[in-house]
Each structure stands twice: as C-alpha cells, then as structure tokens.
Amino acid sequence: MGDTGPLDSSVFNCVYTSKISTVELTFGHIIMSVEAVVSMKVINGSWPDGFEGVFAAKTASINDMEIRLVMTDDDNKLPLADDGTIKLQRHVICAEIEDGEYLEVLVDAYGDGGQRLNDGLHFRPQERGRLKGTLEVDSCQIEVTVTWSLIKWC
C-alpha cells in the first residue's frame, strides 16, 4: 500500500538560499478538510481614520499559522468595491471538519497613537452551506460570509 501522507494536520516549512536571495516556502496539510470561500462586506459605518488593518484566517488544527486575506492600502483604506464588498487578496482556505475544529476569521487594526482594535469570529466547518457573522472595528461593521464545500478525500 502507498504512502497516504500525514495522519494529523501539519505545517511544512522549507528555506532555500542562494548567493542573491532566500525563498521561504510554507504550506499546510489539513486532513479531512473542507473548502471555505470567504467574502466580506462593510454593512455599517466606515473604516476608522488613521488605522492600519489586517484581516486573516486560521484553523484550529494549525493554530499558529494565519493566512492573510487582505490588509489596508498605503493610505490606510480598505480596498472596497462600489457595493462595500472588501476586495480580498485570498478568498479560499481549508479547515478540518472534525469535532472541536473551527475556522477563525480575525481583524487587527492599529491606530497612529498606538491604539489597537481587534475582533474575531469562529465558524464551525460544514460539508456544505453558508454561515455569516459580523466583525466590528470601532463603528465599522463588516459582514463575513463563509461558503462551505466538501473536498473529496483520497
């Protein structure tokens, strides 16, 4: 019988160095995973002036590895479409569908004066369907939608 891979979710990290550069490659192997398509939309208020922000996601099974979804631009503005949808740099992530596992969507915002605002949502992975929640950064409310689909396991 052939190698079926790791029995637990894990992260692999390789660093390749040459005379002129270094490349770091990091990837995760998440067993029994489902696909999570994330979308975000500002539904009330506006992003706070002077705040730099980062939106990320992580899974419980690989808790120390955050996947960056988007960050504010050089003017500390959210990249928004006309309808308030946030233009994410990454939409699709995977999460383990075992009991006790979750997908966490986070926002961290840092103000000019050292003020920090953060919020987070936990979503229990599903084989299919859609879940919603709301992140709040000061007076800005952001609706987060996660659409789930099953990945065929080998």
N, C-alpha and C. Protein backbone atom coordinates (compact mmCIF):
# COMPACT_ATOMS: atom_id res chain seq x y z
N MET A 1 0.83 -1.17 0.00
CA MET A 1 0.00 0.00 0.00
C MET A 1 0.88 1.24 0.00
N GLY A 2 0.50 2.29 -0.74
CA GLY A 2 1.31 3.50 -0.86
C GLY A 2 1.18 4.41 0.34
N ASP A 3 2.06 5.39 0.41
CA ASP A 3 2.05 6.38 1.48
C ASP A 3 0.84 7.28 1.31
N THR A 4 0.02 7.42 2.34
CA THR A 4 -1.17 8.26 2.26
C THR A 4 -0.94 9.63 2.88
N GLY A 5 0.24 9.91 3.33
CA GLY A 5 0.55 11.21 3.90
C GLY A 5 0.41 11.21 5.42
N PRO A 6 0.56 12.40 6.03
CA PRO A 6 0.49 12.50 7.49
C PRO A 6 -0.88 12.11 8.03
N LEU A 7 -0.93 11.62 9.25
CA LEU A 7 -2.18 11.25 9.89
C LEU A 7 -2.81 12.43 10.62
N ASP A 8 -2.05 13.49 10.87
CA ASP A 8 -2.55 14.69 11.52
C ASP A 8 -2.27 15.90 10.63
N SER A 9 -3.03 16.96 10.81
CA SER A 9 -2.76 18.20 10.10
C SER A 9 -1.41 18.74 10.56
N SER A 10 -0.67 19.32 9.63
CA SER A 10 0.65 19.82 9.97
C SER A 10 1.10 20.89 8.98
N VAL A 11 2.16 21.60 9.35
CA VAL A 11 2.74 22.65 8.52
C VAL A 11 4.15 22.23 8.13
N PHE A 12 4.49 22.46 6.87
CA PHE A 12 5.83 22.17 6.36
C PHE A 12 6.47 23.50 5.96
N ASN A 13 7.73 23.65 6.31
CA ASN A 13 8.42 24.89 6.02
C ASN A 13 9.80 24.56 5.47
N CYS A 14 10.13 25.13 4.32
CA CYS A 14 11.44 24.93 3.69
C CYS A 14 12.03 26.29 3.35
N VAL A 15 13.32 26.45 3.57
CA VAL A 15 14.02 27.68 3.22
C VAL A 15 15.12 27.33 2.24
N TYR A 16 15.12 28.02 1.10
CA TYR A 16 16.13 27.81 0.07
C TYR A 16 16.93 29.11 -0.06
N THR A 17 18.25 29.00 0.05
CA THR A 17 19.11 30.17 0.00
C THR A 17 20.12 30.02 -1.14
N SER A 18 20.27 31.11 -1.87
CA SER A 18 21.31 31.17 -2.90
C SER A 18 22.22 32.36 -2.59
N LYS A 19 23.11 32.69 -3.50
CA LYS A 19 24.01 33.82 -3.28
C LYS A 19 23.28 35.15 -3.26
N ILE A 20 22.14 35.25 -3.97
CA ILE A 20 21.46 36.55 -4.08
C ILE A 20 20.08 36.61 -3.44
N SER A 21 19.53 35.50 -2.99
CA SER A 21 18.19 35.57 -2.41
C SER A 21 17.90 34.38 -1.50
N THR A 22 16.83 34.53 -0.76
CA THR A 22 16.31 33.46 0.09
C THR A 22 14.82 33.34 -0.17
N VAL A 23 14.36 32.13 -0.37
CA VAL A 23 12.95 31.86 -0.58
C VAL A 23 12.47 30.94 0.54
N GLU A 24 11.38 31.34 1.17
CA GLU A 24 10.78 30.50 2.20
C GLU A 24 9.45 30.00 1.69
N LEU A 25 9.26 28.69 1.72
CA LEU A 25 8.04 28.05 1.25
C LEU A 25 7.37 27.40 2.46
N THR A 26 6.13 27.80 2.72
CA THR A 26 5.37 27.23 3.82
C THR A 26 4.04 26.75 3.30
N PHE A 27 3.67 25.53 3.65
CA PHE A 27 2.35 25.03 3.26
C PHE A 27 1.86 24.08 4.35
N GLY A 28 0.55 23.94 4.38
CA GLY A 28 -0.05 23.08 5.39
C GLY A 28 -0.76 21.91 4.76
N HIS A 29 -0.77 20.81 5.46
CA HIS A 29 -1.51 19.62 5.07
C HIS A 29 -2.63 19.49 6.10
N ILE A 30 -3.87 19.68 5.66
CA ILE A 30 -5.01 19.61 6.56
C ILE A 30 -5.83 18.39 6.20
N ILE A 31 -5.89 17.43 7.12
CA ILE A 31 -6.60 16.19 6.84
C ILE A 31 -8.11 16.42 6.93
N MET A 32 -8.87 15.60 6.21
CA MET A 32 -10.33 15.65 6.23
C MET A 32 -10.83 17.09 6.20
N SER A 33 -10.44 17.83 5.17
CA SER A 33 -10.74 19.25 5.14
C SER A 33 -11.90 19.58 4.21
N VAL A 34 -12.48 20.73 4.47
CA VAL A 34 -13.50 21.31 3.62
C VAL A 34 -12.98 22.65 3.12
N GLU A 35 -13.51 23.07 1.99
CA GLU A 35 -13.12 24.35 1.41
C GLU A 35 -14.03 25.43 1.98
N ALA A 36 -13.43 26.54 2.38
CA ALA A 36 -14.16 27.70 2.89
C ALA A 36 -13.88 28.88 1.97
N VAL A 37 -14.93 29.39 1.32
CA VAL A 37 -14.80 30.58 0.49
C VAL A 37 -15.29 31.75 1.33
N VAL A 38 -14.39 32.71 1.59
CA VAL A 38 -14.68 33.83 2.48
C VAL A 38 -14.97 35.08 1.66
N SER A 39 -16.02 35.81 2.06
CA SER A 39 -16.28 37.13 1.49
C SER A 39 -16.61 38.07 2.64
N MET A 40 -16.34 39.36 2.42
CA MET A 40 -16.57 40.37 3.46
C MET A 40 -17.16 41.62 2.82
N LYS A 41 -18.05 42.27 3.58
CA LYS A 41 -18.70 43.47 3.08
C LYS A 41 -18.95 44.43 4.24
N VAL A 42 -18.63 45.71 4.05
CA VAL A 42 -18.93 46.73 5.05
C VAL A 42 -20.43 46.97 4.99
N ILE A 43 -21.11 46.74 6.12
CA ILE A 43 -22.58 46.89 6.13
C ILE A 43 -23.03 48.10 6.94
N ASN A 44 -22.13 48.68 7.73
CA ASN A 44 -22.50 49.86 8.51
C ASN A 44 -21.22 50.59 8.93
N GLY A 45 -21.26 51.91 8.87
CA GLY A 45 -20.11 52.71 9.29
C GLY A 45 -19.01 52.71 8.23
N SER A 46 -17.84 53.14 8.65
CA SER A 46 -16.68 53.16 7.74
C SER A 46 -15.43 52.83 8.54
N TRP A 47 -14.39 52.42 7.81
CA TRP A 47 -13.13 52.07 8.43
C TRP A 47 -12.60 53.28 9.19
N PRO A 48 -12.10 53.10 10.43
CA PRO A 48 -11.65 54.24 11.23
C PRO A 48 -10.44 54.94 10.61
N ASP A 49 -10.48 56.28 10.61
CA ASP A 49 -9.39 57.09 10.06
C ASP A 49 -8.09 56.82 10.80
N GLY A 50 -7.00 56.74 10.03
CA GLY A 50 -5.67 56.59 10.62
C GLY A 50 -5.35 55.20 11.13
N PHE A 51 -6.19 54.20 10.80
CA PHE A 51 -5.96 52.84 11.28
C PHE A 51 -5.48 51.93 10.15
N GLU A 52 -4.38 51.25 10.42
CA GLU A 52 -3.88 50.21 9.52
C GLU A 52 -4.55 48.91 9.96
N GLY A 53 -4.96 48.08 9.00
CA GLY A 53 -5.65 46.86 9.39
C GLY A 53 -5.25 45.65 8.57
N VAL A 54 -5.36 44.47 9.20
CA VAL A 54 -5.08 43.20 8.56
C VAL A 54 -6.22 42.24 8.89
N PHE A 55 -6.76 41.59 7.85
CA PHE A 55 -7.76 40.54 8.01
C PHE A 55 -7.07 39.22 7.71
N ALA A 56 -7.31 38.22 8.56
CA ALA A 56 -6.66 36.92 8.39
C ALA A 56 -7.61 35.81 8.81
N ALA A 57 -7.23 34.59 8.49
CA ALA A 57 -8.00 33.41 8.90
C ALA A 57 -7.01 32.36 9.37
N LYS A 58 -7.49 31.50 10.27
CA LYS A 58 -6.67 30.38 10.71
C LYS A 58 -7.59 29.25 11.15
N THR A 59 -7.03 28.05 11.16
CA THR A 59 -7.80 26.88 11.58
C THR A 59 -7.33 26.45 12.96
N ALA A 60 -8.20 25.76 13.66
CA ALA A 60 -7.84 25.27 14.98
C ALA A 60 -6.74 24.21 14.89
N SER A 61 -6.76 23.41 13.81
CA SER A 61 -5.79 22.31 13.71
C SER A 61 -4.37 22.81 13.47
N ILE A 62 -4.22 23.97 12.84
CA ILE A 62 -2.90 24.59 12.65
C ILE A 62 -3.01 26.01 13.18
N ASN A 63 -3.12 26.12 14.48
CA ASN A 63 -3.49 27.37 15.12
C ASN A 63 -2.43 28.46 15.04
N ASP A 64 -1.17 28.11 14.86
CA ASP A 64 -0.12 29.13 14.85
C ASP A 64 0.16 29.68 13.46
N MET A 65 -0.65 29.33 12.47
CA MET A 65 -0.42 29.80 11.11
C MET A 65 -1.63 30.58 10.62
N GLU A 66 -1.46 31.90 10.48
CA GLU A 66 -2.53 32.75 9.98
C GLU A 66 -2.36 32.94 8.48
N ILE A 67 -3.48 32.92 7.77
CA ILE A 67 -3.49 33.18 6.33
C ILE A 67 -4.04 34.59 6.13
N ARG A 68 -3.23 35.47 5.57
CA ARG A 68 -3.67 36.85 5.35
C ARG A 68 -4.66 36.90 4.20
N LEU A 69 -5.82 37.52 4.46
CA LEU A 69 -6.85 37.67 3.44
C LEU A 69 -6.72 39.02 2.73
N VAL A 70 -6.46 40.08 3.49
CA VAL A 70 -6.29 41.42 2.92
C VAL A 70 -5.76 42.34 4.01
N MET A 71 -5.14 43.43 3.58
CA MET A 71 -4.71 44.47 4.51
C MET A 71 -5.04 45.82 3.90
N THR A 72 -5.10 46.85 4.72
CA THR A 72 -5.39 48.18 4.22
C THR A 72 -4.26 48.63 3.29
N ASP A 73 -4.59 49.59 2.42
CA ASP A 73 -3.59 50.08 1.47
C ASP A 73 -2.68 51.11 2.14
N ASP A 74 -1.83 51.75 1.34
CA ASP A 74 -0.85 52.71 1.88
C ASP A 74 -1.51 53.90 2.57
N ASP A 75 -2.75 54.23 2.20
CA ASP A 75 -3.48 55.34 2.82
C ASP A 75 -4.37 54.87 3.97
N ASN A 76 -4.17 53.63 4.43
CA ASN A 76 -4.97 53.02 5.50
C ASN A 76 -6.45 52.94 5.14
N LYS A 77 -6.74 52.67 3.90
CA LYS A 77 -8.11 52.50 3.42
C LYS A 77 -8.32 51.03 3.06
N LEU A 78 -9.55 50.56 3.27
CA LEU A 78 -9.89 49.20 2.85
C LEU A 78 -10.10 49.21 1.34
N PRO A 79 -9.61 48.18 0.65
CA PRO A 79 -9.87 48.08 -0.79
C PRO A 79 -11.33 47.63 -1.00
N LEU A 80 -12.20 48.58 -1.37
CA LEU A 80 -13.63 48.32 -1.46
C LEU A 80 -14.14 48.41 -2.89
N ALA A 81 -15.11 47.56 -3.21
CA ALA A 81 -15.89 47.69 -4.43
C ALA A 81 -16.99 48.72 -4.16
N ASP A 82 -17.69 49.15 -5.21
CA ASP A 82 -18.74 50.16 -5.06
C ASP A 82 -19.86 49.75 -4.11
N ASP A 83 -20.13 48.45 -3.99
CA ASP A 83 -21.21 47.97 -3.12
C ASP A 83 -20.75 47.71 -1.68
N GLY A 84 -19.51 48.08 -1.33
CA GLY A 84 -19.00 47.89 0.02
C GLY A 84 -18.28 46.57 0.24
N THR A 85 -18.25 45.70 -0.79
CA THR A 85 -17.53 44.44 -0.68
C THR A 85 -16.03 44.71 -0.59
N ILE A 86 -15.38 44.05 0.36
CA ILE A 86 -13.93 44.20 0.51
C ILE A 86 -13.25 43.31 -0.52
N LYS A 87 -12.32 43.88 -1.27
CA LYS A 87 -11.59 43.13 -2.30
C LYS A 87 -10.47 42.34 -1.63
N LEU A 88 -10.76 41.09 -1.32
CA LEU A 88 -9.80 40.23 -0.64
C LEU A 88 -8.70 39.78 -1.60
N GLN A 89 -7.49 39.60 -1.08
CA GLN A 89 -6.38 39.06 -1.87
C GLN A 89 -6.47 37.55 -1.94
N ARG A 90 -7.10 36.95 -0.94
CA ARG A 90 -7.29 35.50 -0.90
C ARG A 90 -8.70 35.24 -0.42
N HIS A 91 -9.40 34.32 -1.08
CA HIS A 91 -10.79 34.01 -0.74
C HIS A 91 -10.95 32.59 -0.20
N VAL A 92 -10.11 31.67 -0.65
CA VAL A 92 -10.33 30.25 -0.37
C VAL A 92 -9.28 29.74 0.61
N ILE A 93 -9.77 29.09 1.67
CA ILE A 93 -8.90 28.42 2.62
C ILE A 93 -9.54 27.09 2.98
N CYS A 94 -8.83 26.26 3.69
CA CYS A 94 -9.35 24.96 4.09
C CYS A 94 -9.40 24.86 5.60
N ALA A 95 -10.35 24.06 6.08
CA ALA A 95 -10.47 23.83 7.52
C ALA A 95 -10.82 22.37 7.75
N GLU A 96 -10.32 21.85 8.85
CA GLU A 96 -10.58 20.46 9.22
C GLU A 96 -12.02 20.31 9.70
N ILE A 97 -12.68 19.25 9.27
CA ILE A 97 -14.10 19.06 9.61
C ILE A 97 -14.28 18.01 10.70
N GLU A 98 -13.48 18.04 11.71
CA GLU A 98 -13.58 17.13 12.84
C GLU A 98 -14.26 17.85 14.00
N ASP A 99 -14.79 17.09 14.97
CA ASP A 99 -15.39 17.70 16.15
C ASP A 99 -14.37 18.58 16.86
N GLY A 100 -14.81 19.75 17.29
CA GLY A 100 -13.95 20.66 18.03
C GLY A 100 -13.11 21.57 17.15
N GLU A 101 -13.12 21.36 15.84
CA GLU A 101 -12.33 22.20 14.95
C GLU A 101 -13.15 23.44 14.54
N TYR A 102 -12.46 24.48 14.11
CA TYR A 102 -13.14 25.69 13.69
C TYR A 102 -12.25 26.48 12.74
N LEU A 103 -12.88 27.39 12.04
CA LEU A 103 -12.18 28.37 11.22
C LEU A 103 -12.38 29.71 11.92
N GLU A 104 -11.30 30.42 12.15
CA GLU A 104 -11.39 31.73 12.80
C GLU A 104 -11.03 32.80 11.79
N VAL A 105 -11.89 33.82 11.69
CA VAL A 105 -11.62 34.99 10.84
C VAL A 105 -11.35 36.15 11.79
N LEU A 106 -10.22 36.82 11.59
CA LEU A 106 -9.73 37.84 12.52
C LEU A 106 -9.50 39.17 11.83
N VAL A 107 -9.62 40.24 12.59
CA VAL A 107 -9.17 41.56 12.13
C VAL A 107 -8.36 42.19 13.25
N ASP A 108 -7.21 42.75 12.89
CA ASP A 108 -6.37 43.53 13.79
C ASP A 108 -6.17 44.89 13.16
N ALA A 109 -6.46 45.94 13.92
CA ALA A 109 -6.30 47.31 13.43
C ALA A 109 -5.45 48.09 14.41
N TYR A 110 -4.51 48.89 13.88
CA TYR A 110 -3.58 49.65 14.70
C TYR A 110 -3.67 51.11 14.32
N GLY A 111 -3.92 51.98 15.34
CA GLY A 111 -4.02 53.41 15.10
C GLY A 111 -2.69 54.10 15.21
N ASP A 112 -2.66 55.35 14.73
CA ASP A 112 -1.44 56.16 14.76
C ASP A 112 -0.90 56.33 16.18
N GLY A 113 -1.77 56.45 17.15
CA GLY A 113 -1.35 56.67 18.54
C GLY A 113 -1.10 55.40 19.33
N GLY A 114 -0.96 54.27 18.64
CA GLY A 114 -0.71 53.02 19.33
C GLY A 114 -1.96 52.27 19.77
N GLN A 115 -3.13 52.83 19.45
CA GLN A 115 -4.38 52.17 19.82
C GLN A 115 -4.57 50.92 18.96
N ARG A 116 -5.08 49.86 19.59
CA ARG A 116 -5.29 48.60 18.87
C ARG A 116 -6.75 48.18 19.02
N LEU A 117 -7.35 47.82 17.88
CA LEU A 117 -8.72 47.29 17.85
C LEU A 117 -8.66 45.94 17.17
N ASN A 118 -9.37 44.95 17.74
CA ASN A 118 -9.39 43.65 17.09
C ASN A 118 -10.72 42.95 17.37
N ASP A 119 -11.04 42.01 16.52
CA ASP A 119 -12.26 41.23 16.67
C ASP A 119 -12.04 39.90 15.95
N GLY A 120 -12.86 38.93 16.25
CA GLY A 120 -12.73 37.63 15.61
C GLY A 120 -14.04 36.86 15.62
N LEU A 121 -14.19 35.97 14.67
CA LEU A 121 -15.36 35.11 14.56
C LEU A 121 -14.90 33.66 14.45
N HIS A 122 -15.64 32.76 15.07
CA HIS A 122 -15.39 31.32 14.93
C HIS A 122 -16.52 30.70 14.13
N PHE A 123 -16.15 29.94 13.11
CA PHE A 123 -17.12 29.22 12.30
C PHE A 123 -16.83 27.73 12.40
N ARG A 124 -17.86 26.96 12.69
CA ARG A 124 -17.69 25.50 12.73
C ARG A 124 -17.79 24.99 11.30
N PRO A 125 -16.76 24.30 10.81
CA PRO A 125 -16.77 23.81 9.42
C PRO A 125 -17.98 22.92 9.13
N GLN A 126 -18.51 23.08 7.92
CA GLN A 126 -19.67 22.34 7.44
C GLN A 126 -19.31 21.66 6.13
N GLU A 127 -20.02 20.60 5.77
CA GLU A 127 -19.79 19.95 4.47
C GLU A 127 -20.32 20.80 3.33
N ARG A 128 -21.35 21.59 3.60
CA ARG A 128 -21.92 22.48 2.58
C ARG A 128 -22.74 23.54 3.30
N GLY A 129 -23.06 24.59 2.58
CA GLY A 129 -23.89 25.65 3.15
C GLY A 129 -23.13 26.94 3.33
N ARG A 130 -23.76 27.85 4.06
CA ARG A 130 -23.22 29.19 4.22
C ARG A 130 -23.47 29.65 5.66
N LEU A 131 -22.45 30.26 6.26
CA LEU A 131 -22.55 30.83 7.60
C LEU A 131 -22.14 32.29 7.54
N LYS A 132 -22.76 33.12 8.39
CA LYS A 132 -22.45 34.55 8.41
C LYS A 132 -22.19 35.00 9.84
N GLY A 133 -21.41 36.06 9.95
CA GLY A 133 -21.14 36.71 11.22
C GLY A 133 -20.72 38.14 10.96
N THR A 134 -20.57 38.93 12.02
CA THR A 134 -20.21 40.34 11.87
C THR A 134 -18.99 40.67 12.72
N LEU A 135 -17.98 41.26 12.08
CA LEU A 135 -16.81 41.81 12.76
C LEU A 135 -17.06 43.29 13.01
N GLU A 136 -16.54 43.80 14.14
CA GLU A 136 -16.68 45.23 14.43
C GLU A 136 -15.31 45.82 14.73
N VAL A 137 -15.01 46.91 14.01
CA VAL A 137 -13.80 47.68 14.24
C VAL A 137 -14.25 49.11 14.45
N ASP A 138 -14.25 49.53 15.71
CA ASP A 138 -14.78 50.84 16.08
C ASP A 138 -16.25 50.90 15.64
N SER A 139 -16.62 51.84 14.78
CA SER A 139 -18.02 51.92 14.32
C SER A 139 -18.25 51.20 12.99
N CYS A 140 -17.23 50.53 12.48
CA CYS A 140 -17.33 49.83 11.20
C CYS A 140 -17.78 48.38 11.42
N GLN A 141 -18.90 48.03 10.82
CA GLN A 141 -19.40 46.66 10.90
C GLN A 141 -19.18 45.97 9.56
N ILE A 142 -18.57 44.78 9.63
CA ILE A 142 -18.20 44.04 8.43
C ILE A 142 -18.85 42.67 8.50
N GLU A 143 -19.71 42.39 7.52
CA GLU A 143 -20.36 41.08 7.44
C GLU A 143 -19.40 40.10 6.78
N VAL A 144 -19.17 38.98 7.44
CA VAL A 144 -18.30 37.93 6.92
C VAL A 144 -19.19 36.75 6.54
N THR A 145 -19.05 36.29 5.31
CA THR A 145 -19.79 35.12 4.84
C THR A 145 -18.79 34.04 4.48
N VAL A 146 -19.03 32.83 4.99
CA VAL A 146 -18.19 31.67 4.66
C VAL A 146 -19.10 30.65 3.97
N THR A 147 -18.74 30.31 2.75
CA THR A 147 -19.48 29.31 1.98
C THR A 147 -18.65 28.04 1.96
N TRP A 148 -19.25 26.94 2.40
CA TRP A 148 -18.53 25.67 2.58
C TRP A 148 -18.80 24.71 1.43
N SER A 149 -17.79 23.97 1.05
CA SER A 149 -17.97 22.87 0.11
C SER A 149 -16.99 21.76 0.44
N LEU A 150 -17.46 20.55 0.21
CA LEU A 150 -16.70 19.36 0.56
C LEU A 150 -15.61 19.09 -0.46
N ILE A 151 -14.42 18.75 0.03
CA ILE A 151 -13.32 18.31 -0.82
C ILE A 151 -13.31 16.80 -0.76
N LYS A 152 -13.24 16.15 -1.90
CA LYS A 152 -13.21 14.68 -1.91
C LYS A 152 -11.88 14.22 -1.32
N TRP A 153 -11.98 13.40 -0.27
CA TRP A 153 -10.79 12.88 0.39
C TRP A 153 -10.30 11.64 -0.34
N CYS A 154 -9.00 11.48 -0.39
CA CYS A 154 -8.41 10.31 -1.05
C CYS A 154 -8.46 9.12 -0.14
